[in-house]
Amino acid sequence: MQRATDPARWGPLSRYQLIKALADAHNRHEDYCARWGCRGTDAYLVAHQQLRSRYQQGLTIRLSALPWHAQQVAQRIQLQGVWA
């Protein structure tokens, strides 16, 4: 099932969904770079690892705590605000 094209209608992803989506995005990005011979970014991986670590420790997930590029990809994957 495809999501609506308007991100405001998506609603927030659960922490688990966000972490899984970031891991999937990282894998797709690596596949794309391998196919086209470009140099990829680690932003998806950094966001995934940091959020997964905080999630496993039961800590608050804050977008502002991520490095800038990781923030951008997390926003693209629909992370809004703070989840406890």
N, C-alpha and C. Protein backbone atom coordinates (compact mmCIF):
# COMPACT_ATOMS: atom_id res chain seq x y z
N MET A 1 0.84 -1.18 0.00
CA MET A 1 0.00 0.00 0.00
C MET A 1 0.89 1.25 0.00
N GLN A 2 0.57 2.20 -0.87
CA GLN A 2 1.34 3.43 -0.92
C GLN A 2 0.78 4.44 0.07
N ARG A 3 1.69 5.25 0.59
CA ARG A 3 1.27 6.31 1.51
C ARG A 3 0.76 7.50 0.69
N ALA A 4 -0.06 8.31 1.33
CA ALA A 4 -0.56 9.53 0.68
C ALA A 4 0.62 10.41 0.30
N THR A 5 0.44 11.20 -0.74
CA THR A 5 1.53 12.07 -1.17
C THR A 5 1.71 13.27 -0.25
N ASP A 6 0.75 13.56 0.59
CA ASP A 6 0.83 14.68 1.53
C ASP A 6 1.37 14.17 2.87
N PRO A 7 2.63 14.51 3.24
CA PRO A 7 3.21 14.00 4.48
C PRO A 7 2.40 14.36 5.73
N ALA A 8 1.66 15.47 5.70
CA ALA A 8 0.87 15.86 6.86
C ALA A 8 -0.21 14.83 7.18
N ARG A 9 -0.62 14.04 6.19
CA ARG A 9 -1.65 13.03 6.40
C ARG A 9 -1.09 11.69 6.86
N TRP A 10 0.25 11.57 6.89
CA TRP A 10 0.84 10.29 7.26
C TRP A 10 0.66 9.95 8.72
N GLY A 11 0.72 10.98 9.56
CA GLY A 11 0.77 10.72 10.99
C GLY A 11 2.18 10.29 11.35
N PRO A 12 2.53 10.38 12.62
CA PRO A 12 3.90 10.02 12.99
C PRO A 12 4.13 8.52 12.89
N LEU A 13 5.33 8.16 12.48
CA LEU A 13 5.72 6.76 12.50
C LEU A 13 6.05 6.38 13.94
N SER A 14 5.88 5.12 14.26
CA SER A 14 6.35 4.68 15.57
C SER A 14 7.87 4.69 15.54
N ARG A 15 8.48 4.65 16.70
CA ARG A 15 9.95 4.65 16.74
C ARG A 15 10.50 3.47 15.96
N TYR A 16 9.91 2.30 16.14
CA TYR A 16 10.38 1.10 15.45
C TYR A 16 10.25 1.27 13.93
N GLN A 17 9.10 1.79 13.47
CA GLN A 17 8.90 1.99 12.04
C GLN A 17 9.93 2.96 11.45
N LEU A 18 10.22 4.02 12.19
CA LEU A 18 11.20 5.00 11.73
C LEU A 18 12.58 4.37 11.60
N ILE A 19 13.00 3.63 12.62
CA ILE A 19 14.32 3.01 12.62
C ILE A 19 14.43 2.01 11.47
N LYS A 20 13.38 1.22 11.26
CA LYS A 20 13.38 0.25 10.15
C LYS A 20 13.40 0.98 8.80
N ALA A 21 12.64 2.06 8.68
CA ALA A 21 12.61 2.83 7.43
C ALA A 21 13.97 3.43 7.11
N LEU A 22 14.68 3.91 8.13
CA LEU A 22 16.02 4.46 7.91
C LEU A 22 16.99 3.38 7.46
N ALA A 23 16.90 2.19 8.06
CA ALA A 23 17.77 1.08 7.64
C ALA A 23 17.47 0.70 6.19
N ASP A 24 16.20 0.62 5.85
CA ASP A 24 15.81 0.29 4.47
C ASP A 24 16.30 1.36 3.49
N ALA A 25 16.18 2.63 3.88
CA ALA A 25 16.63 3.72 3.02
C ALA A 25 18.14 3.66 2.82
N HIS A 26 18.87 3.32 3.87
CA HIS A 26 20.33 3.18 3.75
C HIS A 26 20.67 2.08 2.76
N ASN A 27 20.00 0.95 2.86
CA ASN A 27 20.27 -0.17 1.94
C ASN A 27 19.94 0.21 0.49
N ARG A 28 18.81 0.89 0.28
CA ARG A 28 18.45 1.32 -1.08
C ARG A 28 19.48 2.31 -1.63
N HIS A 29 19.93 3.23 -0.77
CA HIS A 29 20.91 4.23 -1.17
C HIS A 29 22.23 3.55 -1.57
N GLU A 30 22.67 2.57 -0.78
CA GLU A 30 23.90 1.85 -1.11
C GLU A 30 23.76 1.09 -2.42
N ASP A 31 22.61 0.47 -2.63
CA ASP A 31 22.37 -0.25 -3.89
C ASP A 31 22.44 0.71 -5.08
N TYR A 32 21.82 1.87 -4.92
CA TYR A 32 21.82 2.88 -5.99
C TYR A 32 23.25 3.32 -6.30
N CYS A 33 24.04 3.60 -5.25
CA CYS A 33 25.41 4.06 -5.46
C CYS A 33 26.28 2.97 -6.08
N ALA A 34 26.06 1.74 -5.68
CA ALA A 34 26.83 0.63 -6.26
C ALA A 34 26.48 0.48 -7.75
N ARG A 35 25.22 0.66 -8.06
CA ARG A 35 24.78 0.50 -9.45
C ARG A 35 25.34 1.61 -10.34
N TRP A 36 25.35 2.84 -9.84
CA TRP A 36 25.74 3.97 -10.68
C TRP A 36 27.16 4.47 -10.40
N GLY A 37 27.87 3.84 -9.51
CA GLY A 37 29.27 4.19 -9.26
C GLY A 37 29.47 5.53 -8.59
N CYS A 38 28.51 5.96 -7.81
CA CYS A 38 28.66 7.24 -7.12
C CYS A 38 29.08 7.00 -5.67
N ARG A 39 29.51 8.07 -5.03
CA ARG A 39 29.90 7.97 -3.63
C ARG A 39 28.69 8.31 -2.78
N GLY A 40 28.35 7.42 -1.89
CA GLY A 40 27.15 7.59 -1.08
C GLY A 40 27.38 8.41 0.17
N THR A 41 26.31 8.62 0.90
CA THR A 41 26.36 9.32 2.17
C THR A 41 26.08 8.33 3.30
N ASP A 42 26.63 8.60 4.46
CA ASP A 42 26.37 7.76 5.62
C ASP A 42 25.22 8.30 6.47
N ALA A 43 24.53 9.31 5.97
CA ALA A 43 23.50 9.97 6.77
C ALA A 43 22.41 9.00 7.22
N TYR A 44 21.95 8.13 6.32
CA TYR A 44 20.90 7.18 6.69
C TYR A 44 21.40 6.23 7.78
N LEU A 45 22.65 5.76 7.60
CA LEU A 45 23.22 4.81 8.55
C LEU A 45 23.43 5.46 9.91
N VAL A 46 23.94 6.69 9.92
CA VAL A 46 24.16 7.41 11.19
C VAL A 46 22.84 7.61 11.92
N ALA A 47 21.82 8.08 11.20
CA ALA A 47 20.51 8.29 11.82
C ALA A 47 19.96 6.97 12.36
N HIS A 48 20.07 5.91 11.56
CA HIS A 48 19.57 4.60 11.98
C HIS A 48 20.28 4.12 13.24
N GLN A 49 21.60 4.18 13.26
CA GLN A 49 22.36 3.67 14.40
C GLN A 49 22.10 4.48 15.66
N GLN A 50 22.08 5.80 15.53
CA GLN A 50 21.87 6.62 16.72
C GLN A 50 20.46 6.46 17.28
N LEU A 51 19.47 6.44 16.40
CA LEU A 51 18.10 6.29 16.88
C LEU A 51 17.86 4.90 17.45
N ARG A 52 18.42 3.87 16.81
CA ARG A 52 18.27 2.51 17.32
C ARG A 52 18.90 2.38 18.70
N SER A 53 20.08 2.96 18.87
CA SER A 53 20.77 2.91 20.15
C SER A 53 19.94 3.57 21.25
N ARG A 54 19.42 4.75 20.96
CA ARG A 54 18.59 5.46 21.95
C ARG A 54 17.30 4.69 22.24
N TYR A 55 16.72 4.11 21.21
CA TYR A 55 15.49 3.33 21.37
C TYR A 55 15.74 2.12 22.26
N GLN A 56 16.84 1.42 22.04
CA GLN A 56 17.15 0.23 22.83
C GLN A 56 17.44 0.58 24.28
N GLN A 57 17.94 1.78 24.52
CA GLN A 57 18.22 2.23 25.89
C GLN A 57 16.99 2.84 26.55
N GLY A 58 15.91 2.96 25.80
CA GLY A 58 14.69 3.54 26.34
C GLY A 58 14.75 5.05 26.49
N LEU A 59 15.63 5.69 25.74
CA LEU A 59 15.79 7.14 25.84
C LEU A 59 14.88 7.86 24.85
N THR A 60 14.71 9.16 25.07
CA THR A 60 13.93 9.99 24.17
C THR A 60 14.66 10.13 22.83
N ILE A 61 13.90 10.07 21.76
CA ILE A 61 14.47 10.26 20.43
C ILE A 61 14.23 11.70 20.02
N ARG A 62 15.30 12.47 19.90
CA ARG A 62 15.21 13.88 19.51
C ARG A 62 15.88 14.10 18.17
N LEU A 63 15.14 14.68 17.27
CA LEU A 63 15.68 15.00 15.96
C LEU A 63 16.87 15.94 16.07
N SER A 64 16.79 16.90 16.98
CA SER A 64 17.85 17.90 17.11
C SER A 64 19.17 17.31 17.61
N ALA A 65 19.14 16.09 18.16
CA ALA A 65 20.36 15.46 18.66
C ALA A 65 21.17 14.79 17.55
N LEU A 66 20.57 14.66 16.37
CA LEU A 66 21.26 14.01 15.26
C LEU A 66 22.16 14.99 14.52
N PRO A 67 23.23 14.50 13.88
CA PRO A 67 24.01 15.37 12.99
C PRO A 67 23.11 15.92 11.88
N TRP A 68 23.50 17.05 11.29
CA TRP A 68 22.64 17.75 10.33
C TRP A 68 22.16 16.85 9.20
N HIS A 69 23.06 16.13 8.54
CA HIS A 69 22.64 15.30 7.41
C HIS A 69 21.70 14.19 7.86
N ALA A 70 21.95 13.64 9.04
CA ALA A 70 21.06 12.61 9.58
C ALA A 70 19.69 13.21 9.89
N GLN A 71 19.66 14.46 10.36
CA GLN A 71 18.38 15.13 10.60
C GLN A 71 17.58 15.23 9.31
N GLN A 72 18.26 15.60 8.23
CA GLN A 72 17.57 15.79 6.96
C GLN A 72 16.94 14.50 6.45
N VAL A 73 17.69 13.40 6.54
CA VAL A 73 17.11 12.14 6.05
C VAL A 73 16.02 11.65 6.98
N ALA A 74 16.16 11.89 8.28
CA ALA A 74 15.11 11.49 9.22
C ALA A 74 13.84 12.28 8.95
N GLN A 75 13.98 13.56 8.63
CA GLN A 75 12.81 14.37 8.29
C GLN A 75 12.16 13.85 7.03
N ARG A 76 12.98 13.47 6.06
CA ARG A 76 12.43 12.93 4.83
C ARG A 76 11.63 11.66 5.10
N ILE A 77 12.06 10.89 6.07
CA ILE A 77 11.38 9.63 6.37
C ILE A 77 10.23 9.89 7.34
N GLN A 78 10.00 11.12 7.68
CA GLN A 78 8.84 11.55 8.46
C GLN A 78 9.03 11.37 9.95
N LEU A 79 10.00 12.09 10.49
CA LEU A 79 10.18 12.20 11.93
C LEU A 79 9.82 13.63 12.30
N GLN A 80 8.82 13.79 13.10
CA GLN A 80 8.38 15.13 13.51
C GLN A 80 8.47 15.24 15.03
N GLY A 81 9.30 16.15 15.52
CA GLY A 81 9.34 16.43 16.94
C GLY A 81 10.03 15.37 17.78
N VAL A 82 9.44 15.07 18.92
CA VAL A 82 10.06 14.21 19.92
C VAL A 82 9.11 13.10 20.31
N TRP A 83 9.64 11.90 20.40
CA TRP A 83 8.88 10.78 20.98
C TRP A 83 9.59 10.31 22.22
N ALA A 84 8.85 10.06 23.27
CA ALA A 84 9.45 9.54 24.51
C ALA A 84 9.61 8.05 24.40
